[in-house]
């Protein structure tokens, strides 16, 4: 079972946000006078906030107005200022945008595909991020977690961490039932966008269809800081999620964007994932890029040579062919509805199925 599922509830806390009478814990890591990372329940989301001379810039708003509002309150308390200027959405998943309502008074920036997906969720009750689907998610997260722990670690069900986990999902469900409003980005871009915030520049680069359709890399050059959204994690083999929108052309563009990122960063750059407050460095990101680019090259060569995917997998064992990432976890969220027992083999499947156009 991946620790990001329940263990974030056990992280020592340096700040507690109090919202709507239900307190939930948020850990604060101050990276510099202008930057702090706020991580908290229920999935250990890491929300980056940057204090600029033109206001506070926040990256992502998770789950619901109360959860995201708790993070907003924590940010305000940490920086002792309330002049929020921008919210940036890194991709369309509920744990990043369903709390946009808490920032509806701000300009919200996101890739055009994020806005399109959120509008679809309003029109289609069967959409995976519609309110009806999200309410089912709230139930399944508690039911599936309980079933897993009853089988594997029943003592955990009697801990404060479990009580907190249940409380968080009930809180989200209440928000969804009582006055939830889907708030898509109000400012969109296609490939790249730059926000000028006085002493800080915010650069947004579209990556796309690796973790979510709207994957966006957010860079703060003056702080030598990069938020890589969902695809990279310090502890995991990079995960490519299946997407109907993924094409070979998009995959090729990944490496244009990623090599540009590597070219404009250095050994002192801090990289942060959206679901972990554990920082990464340029060497780690370079190893991830090496793995993904090498895997993509092997897939293309195999197809051109008439090889089958079975043959390809047989000659591409993770340990011997990709030592740069072989020591990382090759499974994720085991025991949940999103479990991946072999990330590397899933990556091969996804790249193999990417159409040429």
Protein backbone atom coordinates (compact mmCIF):
# COMPACT_ATOMS: atom_id res chain seq x y z
CA UNK A 1 0.00 0.00 0.00
CA UNK A 2 1.43 3.35 -1.00
CA UNK A 3 2.10 5.68 1.92
CA UNK A 4 0.49 8.62 0.16
CA UNK A 5 -2.92 7.05 0.68
CA UNK A 6 -3.26 7.03 4.46
CA UNK A 7 0.10 7.77 6.03
CA UNK A 8 0.01 11.54 5.35
CA UNK A 9 -2.45 11.68 8.23
CA UNK A 10 0.38 10.73 10.57
CA UNK A 11 2.78 13.51 9.55
CA UNK A 12 3.76 15.84 12.42
CA UNK A 13 1.87 19.11 12.18
CA UNK A 14 3.17 22.63 12.58
CA UNK A 15 -0.08 24.42 11.75
CA UNK A 16 -3.76 23.57 12.20
CA UNK A 17 -6.39 25.27 10.07
CA UNK A 18 -9.84 25.73 11.57
CA UNK A 19 -12.64 25.80 9.01
CA UNK A 20 -16.41 25.49 9.46
CA UNK A 21 -15.90 24.06 12.93
CA UNK A 22 -13.95 21.02 11.68
CA UNK A 23 -10.20 21.27 12.09
CA UNK A 24 -7.89 19.40 9.77
CA UNK A 25 -4.14 19.41 9.95
CA UNK A 26 -1.82 21.10 7.50
CA UNK A 27 1.95 20.85 7.67
CA UNK A 28 3.98 23.85 6.57
CA UNK A 29 7.46 23.69 5.07
CA UNK A 30 8.94 27.15 4.61
CA UNK A 31 11.37 27.08 1.67
CA UNK A 32 12.32 30.75 1.69
CA UNK A 33 10.94 34.10 2.88
CA UNK A 34 8.67 34.10 -0.19
CA UNK A 35 7.78 30.39 -0.57
CA UNK A 36 6.01 27.82 1.58
CA UNK A 37 4.61 24.34 0.89
CA UNK A 38 1.40 23.31 2.65
CA UNK A 39 0.64 19.60 2.81
CA UNK A 40 -2.38 17.94 4.32
CA UNK A 41 -5.19 15.44 4.27
CA UNK A 42 -6.74 13.45 2.82
CA UNK A 43 -4.18 12.57 0.12
CA UNK A 44 -1.16 14.51 1.31
CA UNK A 45 -1.59 17.21 -1.31
CA UNK A 46 1.27 19.69 -1.47
CA UNK A 47 0.07 23.22 -2.17
CA UNK A 48 2.72 25.77 -3.06
CA UNK A 49 2.21 29.43 -2.18
CA UNK A 50 4.51 32.26 -3.21
CA UNK A 51 4.37 35.75 -1.72
CA UNK A 52 5.06 38.31 -4.44
CA UNK A 53 4.94 42.09 -4.36
CA UNK A 54 1.68 41.87 -6.34
CA UNK A 55 0.02 39.35 -4.06
CA UNK A 56 -0.02 35.69 -3.06
CA UNK A 57 0.17 33.12 -5.84
CA UNK A 58 -1.24 29.66 -5.04
CA UNK A 59 -0.79 26.45 -7.02
CA UNK A 60 -3.85 24.13 -6.91
CA UNK A 61 -7.03 24.01 -4.84
CA UNK A 62 -7.88 20.48 -3.69
CA UNK A 63 -11.19 18.60 -3.29
CA UNK A 64 -13.79 21.13 -2.12
CA UNK A 65 -14.34 24.64 -0.92
CA UNK A 66 -13.71 23.69 2.72
CA UNK A 67 -10.52 21.72 2.08
CA UNK A 68 -9.16 24.39 -0.27
CA UNK A 69 -10.43 27.08 2.08
CA UNK A 70 -8.44 25.46 4.87
CA UNK A 71 -5.31 25.70 2.79
CA UNK A 72 -6.14 29.31 1.94
CA UNK A 73 -6.54 30.10 5.64
CA UNK A 74 -3.24 28.36 6.42
CA UNK A 75 -1.46 30.33 3.69
CA UNK A 76 -2.90 33.58 4.98
CA UNK A 77 -1.83 32.74 8.54
CA UNK A 78 1.68 31.70 7.54
CA UNK A 79 2.40 34.82 5.48
CA UNK A 80 0.28 37.14 7.64
CA UNK A 81 -1.29 38.70 4.60
CA UNK A 82 -4.51 38.14 2.65
CA UNK A 83 -3.83 39.78 -0.69
CA UNK A 84 -4.28 36.69 -2.87
CA UNK A 85 -3.56 37.50 -6.51
CA UNK A 86 -3.69 34.32 -8.59
CA UNK A 87 -4.70 30.66 -8.37
CA UNK A 88 -3.01 28.29 -10.82
CA UNK A 89 -4.46 24.87 -11.71
CA UNK A 90 -1.85 22.29 -12.72
CA UNK A 91 -4.34 19.74 -14.11
CA UNK A 92 -7.98 18.77 -14.03
CA UNK A 93 -8.12 16.13 -11.28
CA UNK A 94 -10.51 16.74 -8.39
CA UNK A 95 -7.64 16.84 -5.88
CA UNK A 96 -6.32 19.93 -7.68
CA UNK A 97 -9.32 21.91 -8.96
CA UNK A 98 -12.50 20.94 -7.10
CA UNK A 99 -11.63 23.53 -4.44
CA UNK A 100 -11.45 26.40 -6.93
CA UNK A 101 -14.65 27.73 -5.37
CA UNK A 102 -12.58 28.87 -2.38
CA UNK A 103 -10.68 31.19 -4.75
CA UNK A 104 -13.58 32.30 -6.94
CA UNK A 105 -12.75 35.92 -6.12
CA UNK A 106 -9.40 35.59 -7.94
CA UNK A 107 -8.26 35.18 -11.52
CA UNK A 108 -7.76 31.41 -11.96
CA UNK A 109 -5.21 30.34 -14.56
CA UNK A 110 -5.12 26.95 -16.22
CA UNK A 111 -4.57 25.20 -19.52
CA UNK A 112 -7.52 25.37 -21.92
CA UNK A 113 -8.06 21.61 -21.57
CA UNK A 114 -8.64 22.01 -17.81
CA UNK A 115 -11.44 24.48 -18.40
CA UNK A 116 -12.94 22.27 -21.13
CA UNK A 117 -12.90 19.21 -18.87
CA UNK A 118 -14.50 21.05 -15.97
CA UNK A 119 -17.27 22.36 -18.23
CA UNK A 120 -17.89 18.81 -19.47
CA UNK A 121 -18.27 17.67 -15.86
CA UNK A 122 -21.11 20.16 -15.47
CA UNK A 123 -22.93 18.92 -18.57
CA UNK A 124 -22.47 15.16 -18.11
CA UNK A 125 -23.50 13.47 -14.83
CA UNK A 126 -21.48 10.39 -15.87
CA UNK A 127 -18.27 12.41 -16.18
CA UNK A 128 -15.66 11.16 -13.73
CA UNK A 129 -15.48 14.57 -12.08
CA UNK A 130 -19.19 15.40 -12.06
CA UNK A 131 -20.73 16.06 -8.65
CA UNK A 132 -22.49 12.69 -8.72
CA UNK A 133 -19.23 10.88 -9.52
CA UNK A 134 -17.34 12.76 -6.84
CA UNK A 135 -19.93 11.85 -4.22
CA UNK A 136 -19.43 8.19 -5.14
CA UNK A 137 -15.69 8.77 -4.81
CA UNK A 138 -16.16 10.05 -1.26
CA UNK A 139 -17.96 6.85 -0.33
CA UNK A 140 -15.57 4.51 -2.12
CA UNK A 141 -12.50 6.05 -0.52
CA UNK A 142 -13.77 5.21 2.95
CA UNK A 143 -15.26 1.81 2.04
CA UNK A 144 -12.18 0.63 0.12
CA UNK A 145 -9.75 1.91 2.74
CA UNK A 146 -11.69 0.22 5.52
CA UNK A 147 -11.79 -3.09 3.61
CA UNK A 148 -8.05 -2.93 2.99
CA UNK A 149 -7.23 -2.21 6.61
CA UNK A 150 -9.62 -4.80 7.99
CA UNK A 151 -7.67 -7.36 6.00
CA UNK A 152 -4.14 -6.03 6.37
CA UNK A 153 -3.91 -3.76 9.42
CA UNK A 154 -7.11 -3.72 11.51
CA UNK A 155 -5.44 -1.87 14.39
CA UNK A 156 -5.20 1.22 12.18
CA UNK A 157 -8.99 1.49 12.19
CA UNK A 158 -8.85 2.41 15.88
CA UNK A 159 -6.32 5.23 15.45
CA UNK A 160 -6.90 8.99 15.31
CA UNK A 161 -5.47 8.87 11.78
CA UNK A 162 -8.35 6.71 10.57
CA UNK A 163 -10.92 8.92 12.29
CA UNK A 164 -9.35 11.92 10.59
CA UNK A 165 -9.43 10.18 7.21
CA UNK A 166 -13.14 9.38 7.53
CA UNK A 167 -13.87 12.91 8.71
CA UNK A 168 -12.13 14.46 5.72
CA UNK A 169 -14.15 12.50 3.18
CA UNK A 170 -17.41 13.21 5.02
CA UNK A 171 -16.49 16.89 4.99
CA UNK A 172 -15.88 16.80 1.22
CA UNK A 173 -19.18 14.97 0.65
CA UNK A 174 -21.03 17.60 2.70
CA UNK A 175 -19.47 20.35 0.58
CA UNK A 176 -20.54 18.57 -2.61
CA UNK A 177 -24.12 18.25 -1.38
CA UNK A 178 -24.41 21.75 0.05
CA UNK A 179 -23.69 24.57 -2.34
CA UNK A 180 -20.81 23.13 -4.37
CA UNK A 181 -19.99 25.23 -7.44
CA UNK A 182 -17.59 24.10 -10.16
CA UNK A 183 -15.30 27.03 -10.94
CA UNK A 184 -13.18 26.49 -14.09
CA UNK A 185 -10.10 28.58 -14.89
CA UNK A 186 -11.06 32.07 -15.98
CA UNK A 187 -7.79 32.65 -17.87
CA UNK A 188 -6.49 29.93 -20.17
CA UNK A 189 -3.48 29.34 -22.39
CA UNK A 190 -2.38 26.88 -25.05
CA UNK A 191 1.35 26.07 -24.82
CA UNK A 192 3.05 28.59 -22.58
CA UNK A 193 2.15 31.57 -20.43
CA UNK A 194 4.05 33.94 -18.17
CA UNK A 195 2.60 35.89 -15.26
CA UNK A 196 4.50 38.97 -14.08
CA UNK A 197 3.99 39.42 -10.34
CA UNK A 198 6.38 42.21 -9.48
CA UNK A 199 9.45 40.59 -7.97
CA UNK A 200 8.40 37.10 -9.13
CA UNK A 201 7.83 35.65 -12.59
CA UNK A 202 5.54 32.64 -12.95
CA UNK A 203 6.05 30.52 -16.05
CA UNK A 204 3.50 27.90 -17.11
CA UNK A 205 4.43 25.24 -19.66
CA UNK A 206 1.90 22.76 -20.99
CA UNK A 207 3.08 19.16 -20.80
CA UNK A 208 -0.17 17.29 -21.25
CA UNK A 209 -1.66 13.78 -21.15
CA UNK A 210 0.94 12.16 -18.91
CA UNK A 211 -0.80 12.30 -15.53
CA UNK A 212 -3.83 14.38 -16.49
CA UNK A 213 -4.88 15.91 -19.79
CA UNK A 214 -4.00 19.40 -18.58
CA UNK A 215 -0.57 18.69 -17.04
CA UNK A 216 1.25 21.97 -16.56
CA UNK A 217 4.73 22.66 -15.22
CA UNK A 218 4.85 25.81 -13.07
CA UNK A 219 8.21 27.55 -12.65
CA UNK A 220 9.26 30.39 -10.34
CA UNK A 221 12.69 31.36 -11.76
CA UNK A 222 13.55 33.94 -9.11
CA UNK A 223 13.10 31.26 -6.44
CA UNK A 224 14.74 28.53 -8.54
CA UNK A 225 11.60 26.45 -7.90
CA UNK A 226 9.55 24.21 -10.20
CA UNK A 227 6.22 22.51 -9.52
CA UNK A 228 6.06 19.46 -11.79
CA UNK A 229 2.35 18.59 -11.27
CA UNK A 230 1.44 14.91 -11.14
CA UNK A 231 3.81 12.80 -13.23
CA UNK A 232 6.94 12.94 -11.07
CA UNK A 233 7.31 11.85 -7.46
CA UNK A 234 10.54 11.44 -5.51
CA UNK A 235 9.59 7.89 -4.49
CA UNK A 236 7.95 6.45 -7.62
CA UNK A 237 8.84 5.30 -11.10
CA UNK A 238 7.20 7.98 -13.30
CA UNK A 239 3.63 6.96 -14.07
CA UNK A 240 2.06 7.52 -17.49
CA UNK A 241 -1.69 7.27 -17.08
CA UNK A 242 -3.90 6.00 -19.92
CA UNK A 243 -5.52 8.84 -21.83
CA UNK A 244 -7.67 8.84 -24.95
CA UNK A 245 -6.10 12.19 -25.83
CA UNK A 246 -2.50 10.91 -25.85
CA UNK A 247 -0.82 10.73 -29.26
CA UNK A 248 2.72 10.12 -30.45
CA UNK A 249 2.99 13.82 -31.28
CA UNK A 250 2.16 14.75 -27.69
CA UNK A 251 4.73 12.26 -26.37
CA UNK A 252 7.38 13.77 -28.65
CA UNK A 253 6.49 17.20 -27.27
CA UNK A 254 7.03 15.96 -23.70
CA UNK A 255 10.73 15.81 -24.37
CA UNK A 256 10.83 19.24 -26.00
CA UNK A 257 9.27 20.68 -22.84
CA UNK A 258 11.34 18.58 -20.43
CA UNK A 259 14.69 19.23 -22.09
CA UNK A 260 13.90 22.93 -22.11
CA UNK A 261 13.13 22.64 -18.40
CA UNK A 262 16.46 20.91 -17.74
CA UNK A 263 18.30 23.53 -19.80
CA UNK A 264 16.94 26.42 -17.71
CA UNK A 265 17.43 24.85 -14.28
CA UNK A 266 20.54 23.93 -12.31
CA UNK A 267 21.80 21.75 -9.47
CA UNK A 268 20.25 24.11 -6.93
CA UNK A 269 16.74 24.08 -8.41
CA UNK A 270 14.08 22.57 -6.16
CA UNK A 271 11.39 20.51 -7.85
CA UNK A 272 8.12 19.68 -6.12
CA UNK A 273 5.40 17.21 -7.04
CA UNK A 274 1.73 17.96 -6.50
CA UNK A 275 1.21 15.08 -4.07
CA UNK A 276 4.39 15.23 -2.03
CA UNK A 277 6.25 17.84 -0.07
CA UNK A 278 9.49 15.89 -0.59
CA UNK A 279 11.70 18.05 -2.83
CA UNK A 280 13.52 16.65 -5.84
CA UNK A 281 16.65 17.94 -7.57
CA UNK A 282 17.66 18.31 -11.19
CA UNK A 283 19.55 15.01 -11.21
CA UNK A 284 16.38 13.17 -10.19
CA UNK A 285 14.30 14.91 -12.84
CA UNK A 286 16.98 14.14 -15.43
CA UNK A 287 16.82 10.46 -14.47
CA UNK A 288 13.04 10.49 -14.93
CA UNK A 289 13.40 12.11 -18.34
CA UNK A 290 16.07 9.58 -19.31
CA UNK A 291 13.75 6.73 -18.37
CA UNK A 292 10.73 8.09 -20.23
CA UNK A 293 12.72 9.04 -23.32
CA UNK A 294 14.51 5.70 -23.39
CA UNK A 295 11.24 3.82 -23.04
CA UNK A 296 9.61 5.83 -25.83
CA UNK A 297 12.58 5.18 -28.11
CA UNK A 298 12.34 1.44 -27.46
CA UNK A 299 8.61 1.40 -28.18
CA UNK A 300 9.06 3.18 -31.51
CA UNK A 301 11.92 0.95 -32.54
CA UNK A 302 9.97 -2.18 -31.63
CA UNK A 303 6.97 -1.10 -33.69
CA UNK A 304 9.16 -0.28 -36.68
CA UNK A 305 10.84 -3.69 -36.42
CA UNK A 306 7.52 -5.54 -36.28
CA UNK A 307 8.08 -6.68 -32.72
CA UNK A 308 5.12 -7.56 -30.48
CA UNK A 309 4.47 -5.82 -27.19
CA UNK A 310 5.06 -9.13 -25.41
CA UNK A 311 8.51 -9.39 -26.97
CA UNK A 312 9.22 -5.77 -26.08
CA UNK A 313 8.29 -6.26 -22.44
CA UNK A 314 10.43 -9.39 -22.23
CA UNK A 315 13.56 -7.52 -23.27
CA UNK A 316 12.87 -4.37 -21.21
CA UNK A 317 13.03 -5.42 -17.56
CA UNK A 318 13.05 -2.37 -15.35
CA UNK A 319 16.00 -3.41 -13.16
CA UNK A 320 18.55 -4.05 -15.89
CA UNK A 321 17.45 -1.67 -18.65
CA UNK A 322 16.56 1.38 -16.59
CA UNK A 323 18.79 1.42 -13.51
CA UNK A 324 18.27 5.17 -13.13
CA UNK A 325 14.77 4.53 -11.72
CA UNK A 326 14.88 0.83 -10.81
CA UNK A 327 15.27 1.45 -7.08
CA UNK A 328 12.06 3.48 -6.88
CA UNK A 329 8.65 2.03 -6.06
CA UNK A 330 7.21 0.31 -9.13
CA UNK A 331 3.71 0.05 -7.68
CA UNK A 332 1.30 2.67 -6.44
CA UNK A 333 -1.93 2.89 -4.45
CA UNK A 334 -2.16 -0.88 -4.04
CA UNK A 335 -5.45 -1.78 -2.39
CA UNK A 336 -7.34 1.16 -3.88
CA UNK A 337 -9.46 1.48 -7.00
CA UNK A 338 -6.48 3.14 -8.71
CA UNK A 339 -3.87 0.56 -7.84
CA UNK A 340 -0.99 -0.01 -10.24
CA UNK A 341 0.98 -3.14 -9.44
CA UNK A 342 3.58 -2.66 -12.19
CA UNK A 343 4.08 0.96 -13.24
CA UNK A 344 6.78 0.11 -15.78
CA UNK A 345 4.62 -2.38 -17.67
CA UNK A 346 1.68 0.02 -17.64
CA UNK A 347 3.93 2.70 -19.10
CA UNK A 348 4.84 0.36 -21.96
CA UNK A 349 1.17 -0.38 -22.59
CA UNK A 350 0.22 3.30 -22.67
CA UNK A 351 3.06 4.32 -25.00
CA UNK A 352 2.42 1.32 -27.27
CA UNK A 353 -1.21 2.35 -27.69
CA UNK A 354 -0.50 6.01 -28.43
CA UNK A 355 -1.72 6.63 -32.01
CA UNK A 356 0.49 8.40 -34.53
CA UNK A 357 -1.82 11.41 -34.73
